[in-house]
Amino acid sequence: MNKLSLSVFTTIAALLLAPAANAEPFRIIVTHLEPPLVPNSVLDLALQEGYFERAGVDVELIRVQQTPSALAALRAGEGEMANVSTDALLQLVAQGVELTAVSSPNRALPFIIAARDEITEPVQLEGRVFGIGRVGSLDHSLSSKVLQNEGLDTGTMEFVSIGQPNVRAEALLNGMIDATTMSIGVFLSIPDKDGIHVLIDQDPYYRAAPVISKVNAVTAEVLETRRDDVVAVTRALVEISRDFAADPQAWVNAMEKALPHIAREELEFLADSFVDSWTVDGGMTPEELEFTADWIYDTEDFADVPALDLDDWADFSVLEDVMAEIGTASAGSQAQ
């Protein structure tokens, strides 16, 4: 083989053996504009801390506002995976859209209900204005269930669509609404909480609505054509979740880098409250998803939506592949 032929052969071989990083990025669509102060932050921190890179996948985060935009972007091919609310996913699949849940990095969002100081009991919200993201959104449906569990007739309330949690928090501070739902992280990040307080804390909130609130979804085409990347992304998210569960200070350190304006003591408080929230085994089991679906189908928004079989909208084979590679979490762990 002459020198020219050898050079051509070497070039072709290099192209064929090029690392996955040279392939098209794997785009994950998220509904937050910066790393959120909740366990779902693993999506951002896995990128920041190099977990995706070590798993051999080049990830890019696509940021939109709220689940409908995320699902629209996913269907339009503007991303390969989207972190979306479970109820919205069920709505689309019932309409014949081929989407499937493969994992959940934040099965239980640490929601609280904040209210004006004058409201000291949930029943006092009768006839009051409650801020929500949009009618039928996750915070709307879950909070309605929580408030009903507290003995409140939510039919007496006025639900007003405002948008993102930070916008709802601002509306609450300005007296435009009487109460709203947000994560404990958003509440703690409010600089001046004068005039508002936590009406229902995260533990009673979750006990009243123990559902898998959000999942990572992909299209059937992506699961077929980029399955290795889906597995790699899921593995990275499980590994970072396990690391944060084992060492909460690791999350504090990573978030301090991502959000230097947040006081470290607030991050440490949150890390302690998330101790059982990390999804160390991928965040979803058939039993949990069946419970979630049953609850969703019992809501008013799903009165006319045909019920789906679990296999129609969830695929556990990706998590099975990940667990086969790295094993399940240590026995006795409360997080999933």
C-alpha atoms as a PDB file:
ATOM      1  CA  MET A   1       0.000   0.000   0.000  1.00  0.00           C
ATOM      2  CA  ASN A   2       1.528   3.335  -1.038  1.00  0.00           C
ATOM      3  CA  LYS A   3       1.672   6.392   1.218  1.00  0.00           C
ATOM      4  CA  LEU A   4      -1.353   8.020  -0.412  1.00  0.00           C
ATOM      5  CA  SER A   5      -3.466   4.901  -0.044  1.00  0.00           C
ATOM      6  CA  LEU A   6      -2.345   4.519   3.567  1.00  0.00           C
ATOM      7  CA  SER A   7      -3.311   8.127   4.289  1.00  0.00           C
ATOM      8  CA  VAL A   8      -6.776   7.679   2.778  1.00  0.00           C
ATOM      9  CA  PHE A   9      -7.273   4.427   4.690  1.00  0.00           C
ATOM     10  CA  THR A  10      -6.246   6.096   7.959  1.00  0.00           C
ATOM     11  CA  THR A  11      -8.643   8.994   7.398  1.00  0.00           C
ATOM     12  CA  ILE A  12     -11.572   6.694   6.655  1.00  0.00           C
ATOM     13  CA  ALA A  13     -10.781   4.536   9.672  1.00  0.00           C
ATOM     14  CA  ALA A  14     -10.652   7.594  11.928  1.00  0.00           C
ATOM     15  CA  LEU A  15     -14.045   8.729  10.721  1.00  0.00           C
ATOM     16  CA  LEU A  16     -15.568   5.318  11.254  1.00  0.00           C
ATOM     17  CA  LEU A  17     -14.119   5.049  14.739  1.00  0.00           C
ATOM     18  CA  ALA A  18     -14.902   8.638  15.789  1.00  0.00           C
ATOM     19  CA  PRO A  19     -16.415   8.932  19.271  1.00  0.00           C
ATOM     20  CA  ALA A  20     -20.141   9.395  19.803  1.00  0.00           C
ATOM     21  CA  ALA A  21     -19.490  13.023  20.710  1.00  0.00           C
ATOM     22  CA  ASN A  22     -19.190  13.745  16.981  1.00  0.00           C
ATOM     23  CA  ALA A  23     -22.734  12.476  16.373  1.00  0.00           C
ATOM     24  CA  GLU A  24     -25.804  14.685  16.595  1.00  0.00           C
ATOM     25  CA  PRO A  25     -26.369  15.916  20.173  1.00  0.00           C
ATOM     26  CA  PHE A  26     -29.063  14.209  22.218  1.00  0.00           C
ATOM     27  CA  ARG A  27     -31.423  17.078  23.054  1.00  0.00           C
ATOM     28  CA  ILE A  28     -33.439  16.964  26.275  1.00  0.00           C
ATOM     29  CA  ILE A  29     -36.349  19.407  26.480  1.00  0.00           C
ATOM     30  CA  VAL A  30     -36.929  20.794  29.977  1.00  0.00           C
ATOM     31  CA  THR A  31     -39.566  23.171  31.329  1.00  0.00           C
ATOM     32  CA  HIS A  32     -37.319  25.275  33.551  1.00  0.00           C
ATOM     33  CA  LEU A  33     -35.099  28.184  32.561  1.00  0.00           C
ATOM     34  CA  GLU A  34     -32.363  27.440  35.129  1.00  0.00           C
ATOM     35  CA  PRO A  35     -31.551  24.481  37.400  1.00  0.00           C
ATOM     36  CA  PRO A  36     -34.591  24.135  39.679  1.00  0.00           C
ATOM     37  CA  LEU A  37     -34.265  23.814  43.452  1.00  0.00           C
ATOM     38  CA  VAL A  38     -35.769  20.319  43.365  1.00  0.00           C
ATOM     39  CA  PRO A  39     -34.436  16.783  42.678  1.00  0.00           C
ATOM     40  CA  ASN A  40     -35.234  17.361  39.004  1.00  0.00           C
ATOM     41  CA  SER A  41     -32.079  19.497  38.967  1.00  0.00           C
ATOM     42  CA  VAL A  42     -30.211  16.286  38.100  1.00  0.00           C
ATOM     43  CA  LEU A  43     -31.045  17.007  34.449  1.00  0.00           C
ATOM     44  CA  ASP A  44     -28.954  20.189  34.563  1.00  0.00           C
ATOM     45  CA  LEU A  45     -26.317  18.963  36.985  1.00  0.00           C
ATOM     46  CA  ALA A  46     -25.604  15.746  35.062  1.00  0.00           C
ATOM     47  CA  LEU A  47     -24.577  18.008  32.189  1.00  0.00           C
ATOM     48  CA  GLN A  48     -22.644  20.459  34.368  1.00  0.00           C
ATOM     49  CA  GLU A  49     -20.806  17.759  36.326  1.00  0.00           C
ATOM     50  CA  GLY A  50     -19.896  15.625  33.305  1.00  0.00           C
ATOM     51  CA  TYR A  51     -22.127  12.599  33.969  1.00  0.00           C
ATOM     52  CA  PHE A  52     -23.562  12.569  30.447  1.00  0.00           C
ATOM     53  CA  GLU A  53     -20.099  12.940  28.940  1.00  0.00           C
ATOM     54  CA  ARG A  54     -18.766  10.026  30.995  1.00  0.00           C
ATOM     55  CA  ALA A  55     -21.758   7.953  29.874  1.00  0.00           C
ATOM     56  CA  GLY A  56     -20.685   8.606  26.286  1.00  0.00           C
ATOM     57  CA  VAL A  57     -23.528  10.848  25.140  1.00  0.00           C
ATOM     58  CA  ASP A  58     -23.397  14.464  24.005  1.00  0.00           C
ATOM     59  CA  VAL A  59     -26.399  16.160  25.665  1.00  0.00           C
ATOM     60  CA  GLU A  60     -27.889  19.559  24.945  1.00  0.00           C
ATOM     61  CA  LEU A  61     -30.697  21.035  27.069  1.00  0.00           C
ATOM     62  CA  ILE A  62     -33.547  22.779  25.241  1.00  0.00           C
ATOM     63  CA  ARG A  63     -35.462  25.112  27.563  1.00  0.00           C
ATOM     64  CA  VAL A  64     -39.148  25.908  27.093  1.00  0.00           C
ATOM     65  CA  GLN A  65     -41.945  27.055  29.376  1.00  0.00           C
ATOM     66  CA  GLN A  66     -44.421  24.414  30.581  1.00  0.00           C
ATOM     67  CA  THR A  67     -45.253  20.899  29.448  1.00  0.00           C
ATOM     68  CA  PRO A  68     -47.430  21.705  26.372  1.00  0.00           C
ATOM     69  CA  SER A  69     -44.512  23.523  24.746  1.00  0.00           C
ATOM     70  CA  ALA A  70     -42.160  20.661  25.644  1.00  0.00           C
ATOM     71  CA  LEU A  71     -44.443  18.053  24.107  1.00  0.00           C
ATOM     72  CA  ALA A  72     -44.973  20.171  20.998  1.00  0.00           C
ATOM     73  CA  ALA A  73     -41.208  20.523  20.602  1.00  0.00           C
ATOM     74  CA  LEU A  74     -40.695  16.782  21.068  1.00  0.00           C
ATOM     75  CA  ARG A  75     -43.319  15.943  18.442  1.00  0.00           C
ATOM     76  CA  ALA A  76     -41.777  18.476  16.054  1.00  0.00           C
ATOM     77  CA  GLY A  77     -38.399  16.753  16.310  1.00  0.00           C
ATOM     78  CA  GLU A  78     -36.780  19.648  18.169  1.00  0.00           C
ATOM     79  CA  GLY A  79     -35.514  17.266  20.842  1.00  0.00           C
ATOM     80  CA  GLU A  80     -35.061  13.565  21.519  1.00  0.00           C
ATOM     81  CA  MET A  81     -36.427  13.463  25.087  1.00  0.00           C
ATOM     82  CA  ALA A  82     -38.715  15.720  27.117  1.00  0.00           C
ATOM     83  CA  ASN A  83     -39.294  16.004  30.859  1.00  0.00           C
ATOM     84  CA  VAL A  84     -43.075  16.407  31.027  1.00  0.00           C
ATOM     85  CA  SER A  85     -46.059  15.959  33.312  1.00  0.00           C
ATOM     86  CA  THR A  86     -47.507  12.455  33.334  1.00  0.00           C
ATOM     87  CA  ASP A  87     -51.081  13.617  32.800  1.00  0.00           C
ATOM     88  CA  ALA A  88     -50.187  15.584  29.662  1.00  0.00           C
ATOM     89  CA  LEU A  89     -48.355  12.550  28.288  1.00  0.00           C
ATOM     90  CA  LEU A  90     -51.429  10.372  28.850  1.00  0.00           C
ATOM     91  CA  GLN A  91     -53.614  12.913  27.055  1.00  0.00           C
ATOM     92  CA  LEU A  92     -51.456  12.815  23.922  1.00  0.00           C
ATOM     93  CA  VAL A  93     -51.009   9.042  23.851  1.00  0.00           C
ATOM     94  CA  ALA A  94     -54.801   8.665  24.139  1.00  0.00           C
ATOM     95  CA  GLN A  95     -55.022  10.782  20.977  1.00  0.00           C
ATOM     96  CA  GLY A  96     -52.805   8.333  19.114  1.00  0.00           C
ATOM     97  CA  VAL A  97     -49.432  10.060  19.507  1.00  0.00           C
ATOM     98  CA  GLU A  98     -46.639   7.504  19.915  1.00  0.00           C
ATOM     99  CA  LEU A  99     -44.808   8.657  23.044  1.00  0.00           C
ATOM    100  CA  THR A 100     -43.529   6.611  25.939  1.00  0.00           C
ATOM    101  CA  ALA A 101     -42.171   7.234  29.431  1.00  0.00           C
ATOM    102  CA  VAL A 102     -38.772   5.671  30.087  1.00  0.00           C
ATOM    103  CA  SER A 103     -37.802   7.074  33.517  1.00  0.00           C
ATOM    104  CA  SER A 104     -38.546   9.803  36.034  1.00  0.00           C
ATOM    105  CA  PRO A 105     -35.808  11.940  37.591  1.00  0.00           C
ATOM    106  CA  ASN A 106     -38.340  13.674  39.841  1.00  0.00           C
ATOM    107  CA  ARG A 107     -41.256  11.407  40.587  1.00  0.00           C
ATOM    108  CA  ALA A 108     -42.380  13.439  43.614  1.00  0.00           C
ATOM    109  CA  LEU A 109     -41.976  17.175  43.264  1.00  0.00           C
ATOM    110  CA  PRO A 110     -41.529  18.827  46.695  1.00  0.00           C
ATOM    111  CA  PHE A 111     -44.606  21.022  46.295  1.00  0.00           C
ATOM    112  CA  ILE A 112     -45.994  23.270  49.005  1.00  0.00           C
ATOM    113  CA  ILE A 113     -48.972  25.605  49.057  1.00  0.00           C
ATOM    114  CA  ALA A 114     -48.120  29.157  50.069  1.00  0.00           C
ATOM    115  CA  ALA A 115     -50.729  31.675  51.124  1.00  0.00           C
ATOM    116  CA  ARG A 116     -51.151  35.159  52.489  1.00  0.00           C
ATOM    117  CA  ASP A 117     -50.523  35.398  56.228  1.00  0.00           C
ATOM    118  CA  GLU A 118     -54.186  36.067  56.993  1.00  0.00           C
ATOM    119  CA  ILE A 119     -55.056  32.571  55.739  1.00  0.00           C
ATOM    120  CA  THR A 120     -54.065  30.154  58.484  1.00  0.00           C
ATOM    121  CA  GLU A 121     -56.193  27.122  57.566  1.00  0.00           C
ATOM    122  CA  PRO A 122     -56.839  25.584  54.119  1.00  0.00           C
ATOM    123  CA  VAL A 123     -60.608  25.872  54.571  1.00  0.00           C
ATOM    124  CA  GLN A 124     -60.173  29.642  54.666  1.00  0.00           C
ATOM    125  CA  LEU A 125     -59.433  29.522  50.947  1.00  0.00           C
ATOM    126  CA  GLU A 126     -63.154  29.164  50.263  1.00  0.00           C
ATOM    127  CA  GLY A 127     -64.138  31.901  47.822  1.00  0.00           C
ATOM    128  CA  ARG A 128     -60.496  32.957  47.390  1.00  0.00           C
ATOM    129  CA  VAL A 129     -58.279  33.286  44.319  1.00  0.00           C
ATOM    130  CA  PHE A 130     -55.727  30.499  43.729  1.00  0.00           C
ATOM    131  CA  GLY A 131     -52.944  30.994  41.174  1.00  0.00           C
ATOM    132  CA  ILE A 132     -52.116  28.071  38.846  1.00  0.00           C
ATOM    133  CA  GLY A 133     -49.899  27.504  35.827  1.00  0.00           C
ATOM    134  CA  ARG A 134     -52.879  26.808  33.581  1.00  0.00           C
ATOM    135  CA  VAL A 135     -56.212  25.032  33.843  1.00  0.00           C
ATOM    136  CA  GLY A 136     -55.563  21.291  34.018  1.00  0.00           C
ATOM    137  CA  SER A 137     -51.840  21.706  34.705  1.00  0.00           C
ATOM    138  CA  LEU A 138     -50.023  19.483  37.178  1.00  0.00           C
ATOM    139  CA  ASP A 139     -50.013  22.068  39.957  1.00  0.00           C
ATOM    140  CA  HIS A 140     -53.751  22.660  39.382  1.00  0.00           C
ATOM    141  CA  SER A 141     -54.820  19.004  39.508  1.00  0.00           C
ATOM    142  CA  LEU A 142     -52.532  17.963  42.355  1.00  0.00           C
ATOM    143  CA  SER A 143     -53.323  20.976  44.512  1.00  0.00           C
ATOM    144  CA  SER A 144     -57.050  20.496  44.011  1.00  0.00           C
ATOM    145  CA  LYS A 145     -56.671  16.968  45.357  1.00  0.00           C
ATOM    146  CA  VAL A 146     -54.607  18.179  48.320  1.00  0.00           C
ATOM    147  CA  LEU A 147     -57.079  20.934  49.208  1.00  0.00           C
ATOM    148  CA  GLN A 148     -60.036  18.576  48.922  1.00  0.00           C
ATOM    149  CA  ASN A 149     -58.200  16.239  51.272  1.00  0.00           C
ATOM    150  CA  GLU A 150     -58.058  19.136  53.730  1.00  0.00           C
ATOM    151  CA  GLY A 151     -61.852  19.424  53.618  1.00  0.00           C
ATOM    152  CA  LEU A 152     -62.093  22.361  51.220  1.00  0.00           C
ATOM    153  CA  ASP A 153     -64.728  22.516  48.498  1.00  0.00           C
ATOM    154  CA  THR A 154     -62.528  23.655  45.612  1.00  0.00           C
ATOM    155  CA  GLY A 155     -65.622  24.440  43.581  1.00  0.00           C
ATOM    156  CA  THR A 156     -65.976  27.600  45.656  1.00  0.00           C
ATOM    157  CA  MET A 157     -62.522  28.848  44.633  1.00  0.00           C
ATOM    158  CA  GLU A 158     -61.414  30.878  41.644  1.00  0.00           C
ATOM    159  CA  PHE A 159     -58.456  29.318  39.842  1.00  0.00           C
ATOM    160  CA  VAL A 160     -56.514  31.856  37.790  1.00  0.00           C
ATOM    161  CA  SER A 161     -53.940  30.889  35.155  1.00  0.00           C
ATOM    162  CA  ILE A 162     -50.761  32.890  35.755  1.00  0.00           C
ATOM    163  CA  GLY A 163     -47.837  30.812  34.513  1.00  0.00           C
ATOM    164  CA  GLN A 164     -44.532  29.723  35.964  1.00  0.00           C
ATOM    165  CA  PRO A 165     -44.022  29.321  39.744  1.00  0.00           C
ATOM    166  CA  ASN A 166     -41.827  32.428  40.060  1.00  0.00           C
ATOM    167  CA  VAL A 167     -44.554  34.513  38.392  1.00  0.00           C
ATOM    168  CA  ARG A 168     -47.177  33.032  40.713  1.00  0.00           C
ATOM    169  CA  ALA A 169     -44.954  33.785  43.708  1.00  0.00           C
ATOM    170  CA  GLU A 170     -44.689  37.408  42.593  1.00  0.00           C
ATOM    171  CA  ALA A 171     -48.480  37.600  42.211  1.00  0.00           C
ATOM    172  CA  LEU A 172     -48.889  36.232  45.729  1.00  0.00           C
ATOM    173  CA  LEU A 173     -46.444  38.741  47.182  1.00  0.00           C
ATOM    174  CA  ASN A 174     -48.290  41.565  45.427  1.00  0.00           C
ATOM    175  CA  GLY A 175     -51.672  40.467  46.769  1.00  0.00           C
ATOM    176  CA  MET A 176     -53.064  39.612  43.324  1.00  0.00           C
ATOM    177  CA  ILE A 177     -53.900  36.072  44.481  1.00  0.00           C
ATOM    178  CA  ASP A 178     -54.531  34.506  47.880  1.00  0.00           C
ATOM    179  CA  ALA A 179     -52.542  31.281  47.504  1.00  0.00           C
ATOM    180  CA  THR A 180     -50.605  29.192  45.006  1.00  0.00           C
ATOM    181  CA  THR A 181     -48.482  26.077  44.609  1.00  0.00           C
ATOM    182  CA  MET A 182     -44.714  26.115  44.226  1.00  0.00           C
ATOM    183  CA  SER A 183     -41.756  23.961  45.142  1.00  0.00           C
ATOM    184  CA  ILE A 184     -40.121  24.461  48.512  1.00  0.00           C
ATOM    185  CA  GLY A 185     -37.070  25.621  46.587  1.00  0.00           C
ATOM    186  CA  VAL A 186     -38.934  28.432  44.856  1.00  0.00           C
ATOM    187  CA  PHE A 187     -40.417  29.518  48.194  1.00  0.00           C
ATOM    188  CA  LEU A 188     -37.021  29.613  49.890  1.00  0.00           C
ATOM    189  CA  SER A 189     -35.546  31.607  47.013  1.00  0.00           C
ATOM    190  CA  ILE A 190     -38.010  34.480  47.549  1.00  0.00           C
ATOM    191  CA  PRO A 191     -35.873  37.286  49.044  1.00  0.00           C
ATOM    192  CA  ASP A 192     -38.624  38.929  51.104  1.00  0.00           C
ATOM    193  CA  LYS A 193     -41.397  36.606  52.337  1.00  0.00           C
ATOM    194  CA  ASP A 194     -43.119  39.292  54.376  1.00  0.00           C
ATOM    195  CA  GLY A 195     -46.876  38.741  54.249  1.00  0.00           C
ATOM    196  CA  ILE A 196     -46.839  35.133  53.004  1.00  0.00           C
ATOM    197  CA  HIS A 197     -46.208  31.736  54.611  1.00  0.00           C
ATOM    198  CA  VAL A 198     -46.332  28.005  53.932  1.00  0.00           C
ATOM    199  CA  LEU A 199     -49.932  26.865  54.379  1.00  0.00           C
ATOM    200  CA  ILE A 200     -49.412  23.191  53.468  1.00  0.00           C
ATOM    201  CA  ASP A 201     -45.901  21.738  53.721  1.00  0.00           C
ATOM    202  CA  GLN A 202     -44.350  19.230  51.309  1.00  0.00           C
ATOM    203  CA  ASP A 203     -44.922  16.110  53.456  1.00  0.00           C
ATOM    204  CA  PRO A 204     -48.720  16.459  53.807  1.00  0.00           C
ATOM    205  CA  TYR A 205     -48.871  17.597  50.179  1.00  0.00           C
ATOM    206  CA  TYR A 206     -47.198  14.412  48.949  1.00  0.00           C
ATOM    207  CA  ARG A 207     -49.200  12.178  51.288  1.00  0.00           C
ATOM    208  CA  ALA A 208     -52.410  13.576  49.793  1.00  0.00           C
ATOM    209  CA  ALA A 209     -51.189  13.183  46.190  1.00  0.00           C
ATOM    210  CA  PRO A 210     -48.483  10.467  45.995  1.00  0.00           C
ATOM    211  CA  VAL A 211     -48.226  10.334  42.224  1.00  0.00           C
ATOM    212  CA  ILE A 212     -45.334  10.258  39.783  1.00  0.00           C
ATOM    213  CA  SER A 213     -45.757  13.805  38.627  1.00  0.00           C
ATOM    214  CA  LYS A 214     -43.257  13.992  35.745  1.00  0.00           C
ATOM    215  CA  VAL A 215     -41.503  11.538  33.450  1.00  0.00           C
ATOM    216  CA  ASN A 216     -38.851  11.555  30.775  1.00  0.00           C
ATOM    217  CA  ALA A 217     -40.620  10.744  27.512  1.00  0.00           C
ATOM    218  CA  VAL A 218     -39.352   9.860  24.049  1.00  0.00           C
ATOM    219  CA  THR A 219     -40.982   9.122  20.726  1.00  0.00           C
ATOM    220  CA  ALA A 220     -41.168   5.589  19.376  1.00  0.00           C
ATOM    221  CA  GLU A 221     -38.745   6.602  16.626  1.00  0.00           C
ATOM    222  CA  VAL A 222     -36.109   7.875  19.071  1.00  0.00           C
ATOM    223  CA  LEU A 223     -36.408   4.752  21.203  1.00  0.00           C
ATOM    224  CA  GLU A 224     -35.765   2.666  18.098  1.00  0.00           C
ATOM    225  CA  THR A 225     -33.070   4.727  16.382  1.00  0.00           C
ATOM    226  CA  ARG A 226     -31.185   6.176  19.381  1.00  0.00           C
ATOM    227  CA  ARG A 227     -31.816   3.582  22.055  1.00  0.00           C
ATOM    228  CA  ASP A 228     -28.164   3.506  23.158  1.00  0.00           C
ATOM    229  CA  ASP A 229     -28.302   7.241  23.842  1.00  0.00           C
ATOM    230  CA  VAL A 230     -31.575   6.901  25.763  1.00  0.00           C
ATOM    231  CA  VAL A 231     -29.973   4.208  27.935  1.00  0.00           C
ATOM    232  CA  ALA A 232     -26.815   6.309  28.419  1.00  0.00           C
ATOM    233  CA  VAL A 233     -28.812   9.393  29.453  1.00  0.00           C
ATOM    234  CA  THR A 234     -30.897   7.348  31.876  1.00  0.00           C
ATOM    235  CA  ARG A 235     -27.823   5.707  33.347  1.00  0.00           C
ATOM    236  CA  ALA A 236     -26.180   9.098  33.921  1.00  0.00           C
ATOM    237  CA  LEU A 237     -29.292  10.398  35.702  1.00  0.00           C
ATOM    238  CA  VAL A 238     -29.475   7.320  37.925  1.00  0.00           C
ATOM    239  CA  GLU A 239     -25.773   7.574  38.779  1.00  0.00           C
ATOM    240  CA  ILE A 240     -25.917  11.253  39.737  1.00  0.00           C
ATOM    241  CA  SER A 241     -29.072  10.616  41.783  1.00  0.00           C
ATOM    242  CA  ARG A 242     -27.284   7.846  43.683  1.00  0.00           C
ATOM    243  CA  ASP A 243     -24.302  10.094  44.322  1.00  0.00           C
ATOM    244  CA  PHE A 244     -26.537  12.851  45.724  1.00  0.00           C
ATOM    245  CA  ALA A 245     -28.437  10.332  47.864  1.00  0.00           C
ATOM    246  CA  ALA A 246     -25.153   9.063  49.291  1.00  0.00           C
ATOM    247  CA  ASP A 247     -23.721  12.558  49.834  1.00  0.00           C
ATOM    248  CA  PRO A 248     -26.245  15.443  50.016  1.00  0.00           C
ATOM    249  CA  GLN A 249     -23.350  17.900  50.184  1.00  0.00           C
ATOM    250  CA  ALA A 250     -22.430  16.897  46.635  1.00  0.00           C
ATOM    251  CA  TRP A 251     -25.760  18.341  45.476  1.00  0.00           C
ATOM    252  CA  VAL A 252     -25.176  21.474  47.548  1.00  0.00           C
ATOM    253  CA  ASN A 253     -21.746  21.972  45.969  1.00  0.00           C
ATOM    254  CA  ALA A 254     -23.060  21.422  42.434  1.00  0.00           C
ATOM    255  CA  MET A 255     -26.008  23.763  42.920  1.00  0.00           C
ATOM    256  CA  GLU A 256     -23.769  26.409  44.460  1.00  0.00           C
ATOM    257  CA  LYS A 257     -21.818  26.362  41.202  1.00  0.00           C
ATOM    258  CA  ALA A 258     -24.979  26.473  39.085  1.00  0.00           C
ATOM    259  CA  LEU A 259     -26.804  29.112  41.157  1.00  0.00           C
ATOM    260  CA  PRO A 260     -24.228  31.165  43.062  1.00  0.00           C
ATOM    261  CA  HIS A 261     -26.882  33.682  44.097  1.00  0.00           C
ATOM    262  CA  ILE A 262     -28.642  31.103  46.313  1.00  0.00           C
ATOM    263  CA  ALA A 263     -27.390  31.069  49.910  1.00  0.00           C
ATOM    264  CA  ARG A 264     -25.558  27.872  50.840  1.00  0.00           C
ATOM    265  CA  GLU A 265     -27.617  27.456  54.015  1.00  0.00           C
ATOM    266  CA  GLU A 266     -30.786  27.340  51.894  1.00  0.00           C
ATOM    267  CA  LEU A 267     -29.245  24.676  49.670  1.00  0.00           C
ATOM    268  CA  GLU A 268     -28.250  22.646  52.710  1.00  0.00           C
ATOM    269  CA  PHE A 269     -31.789  22.893  54.087  1.00  0.00           C
ATOM    270  CA  LEU A 270     -33.142  21.627  50.780  1.00  0.00           C
ATOM    271  CA  ALA A 271     -30.583  18.822  50.572  1.00  0.00           C
ATOM    272  CA  ASP A 272     -31.781  17.533  53.938  1.00  0.00           C
ATOM    273  CA  SER A 273     -35.415  17.663  52.805  1.00  0.00           C
ATOM    274  CA  PHE A 274     -34.587  15.712  49.616  1.00  0.00           C
ATOM    275  CA  VAL A 275     -32.894  12.827  51.429  1.00  0.00           C
ATOM    276  CA  ASP A 276     -35.559  10.286  50.339  1.00  0.00           C
ATOM    277  CA  SER A 277     -36.455  11.933  47.041  1.00  0.00           C
ATOM    278  CA  TRP A 278     -33.572  10.957  44.745  1.00  0.00           C
ATOM    279  CA  THR A 279     -34.619   8.504  42.053  1.00  0.00           C
ATOM    280  CA  VAL A 280     -31.804   6.029  42.589  1.00  0.00           C
ATOM    281  CA  ASP A 281     -33.491   3.276  40.564  1.00  0.00           C
ATOM    282  CA  GLY A 282     -34.933   5.381  37.767  1.00  0.00           C
ATOM    283  CA  GLY A 283     -37.997   6.743  39.494  1.00  0.00           C
ATOM    284  CA  MET A 284     -40.800   4.572  38.188  1.00  0.00           C
ATOM    285  CA  THR A 285     -42.172   1.072  38.701  1.00  0.00           C
ATOM    286  CA  PRO A 286     -45.283  -0.533  37.175  1.00  0.00           C
ATOM    287  CA  GLU A 287     -47.066  -0.291  40.525  1.00  0.00           C
ATOM    288  CA  GLU A 288     -46.308   3.420  40.887  1.00  0.00           C
ATOM    289  CA  LEU A 289     -47.372   4.250  37.358  1.00  0.00           C
ATOM    290  CA  GLU A 290     -50.586   2.235  37.669  1.00  0.00           C
ATOM    291  CA  PHE A 291     -51.447   4.164  40.850  1.00  0.00           C
ATOM    292  CA  THR A 292     -50.640   7.430  39.116  1.00  0.00           C
ATOM    293  CA  ALA A 293     -52.767   6.587  36.081  1.00  0.00           C
ATOM    294  CA  ASP A 294     -55.706   5.522  38.247  1.00  0.00           C
ATOM    295  CA  TRP A 295     -55.550   8.850  40.070  1.00  0.00           C
ATOM    296  CA  ILE A 296     -55.283  10.849  36.849  1.00  0.00           C
ATOM    297  CA  TYR A 297     -58.204   9.030  35.219  1.00  0.00           C
ATOM    298  CA  ASP A 298     -60.309   9.849  38.254  1.00  0.00           C
ATOM    299  CA  THR A 299     -59.882  13.589  37.698  1.00  0.00           C
ATOM    300  CA  GLU A 300     -62.442  15.763  35.924  1.00  0.00           C
ATOM    301  CA  ASP A 301     -60.100  16.527  33.022  1.00  0.00           C
ATOM    302  CA  PHE A 302     -59.963  12.811  32.128  1.00  0.00           C
ATOM    303  CA  ALA A 303     -63.689  12.104  32.346  1.00  0.00           C
ATOM    304  CA  ASP A 304     -63.892  11.572  28.578  1.00  0.00           C
ATOM    305  CA  VAL A 305     -60.363  10.258  27.976  1.00  0.00           C
ATOM    306  CA  PRO A 306     -60.184   6.517  27.215  1.00  0.00           C
ATOM    307  CA  ALA A 307     -58.068   4.623  29.721  1.00  0.00           C
ATOM    308  CA  LEU A 308     -54.792   3.213  28.414  1.00  0.00           C
ATOM    309  CA  ASP A 309     -52.939   0.057  29.299  1.00  0.00           C
ATOM    310  CA  LEU A 310     -49.599   0.711  30.961  1.00  0.00           C
ATOM    311  CA  ASP A 311     -47.750  -0.790  28.000  1.00  0.00           C
ATOM    312  CA  ASP A 312     -49.315   1.871  25.776  1.00  0.00           C
ATOM    313  CA  TRP A 313     -47.383   4.712  27.409  1.00  0.00           C
ATOM    314  CA  ALA A 314     -44.508   3.301  29.476  1.00  0.00           C
ATOM    315  CA  ASP A 315     -41.435   1.265  28.526  1.00  0.00           C
ATOM    316  CA  PHE A 316     -39.419  -0.269  31.348  1.00  0.00           C
ATOM    317  CA  SER A 317     -36.814  -1.932  29.133  1.00  0.00           C
ATOM    318  CA  VAL A 318     -34.476   1.096  29.270  1.00  0.00           C
ATOM    319  CA  LEU A 319     -34.380   0.992  33.076  1.00  0.00           C
ATOM    320  CA  GLU A 320     -33.949  -2.771  32.929  1.00  0.00           C
ATOM    321  CA  ASP A 321     -30.885  -2.292  30.719  1.00  0.00           C
ATOM    322  CA  VAL A 322     -29.460   0.311  33.103  1.00  0.00           C
ATOM    323  CA  MET A 323     -30.007  -1.866  36.174  1.00  0.00           C
ATOM    324  CA  ALA A 324     -28.414  -4.809  34.372  1.00  0.00           C
ATOM    325  CA  GLU A 325     -25.312  -2.638  33.850  1.00  0.00           C
ATOM    326  CA  ILE A 326     -24.963  -0.984  37.267  1.00  0.00           C
ATOM    327  CA  GLY A 327     -27.227  -3.000  39.565  1.00  0.00           C
ATOM    328  CA  THR A 328     -30.160  -1.829  41.650  1.00  0.00           C
ATOM    329  CA  ALA A 329     -29.757   0.589  44.540  1.00  0.00           C
ATOM    330  CA  SER A 330     -28.671  -0.740  47.908  1.00  0.00           C
ATOM    331  CA  ALA A 331     -31.331  -2.581  49.878  1.00  0.00           C
ATOM    332  CA  GLY A 332     -33.318  -0.440  52.244  1.00  0.00           C
ATOM    333  CA  SER A 333     -33.098   2.736  50.216  1.00  0.00           C
ATOM    334  CA  GLN A 334     -36.372   4.626  50.366  1.00  0.00           C
ATOM    335  CA  ALA A 335     -35.792   6.534  47.184  1.00  0.00           C
ATOM    336  CA  GLN A 336     -36.718   4.954  43.897  1.00  0.00           C
END
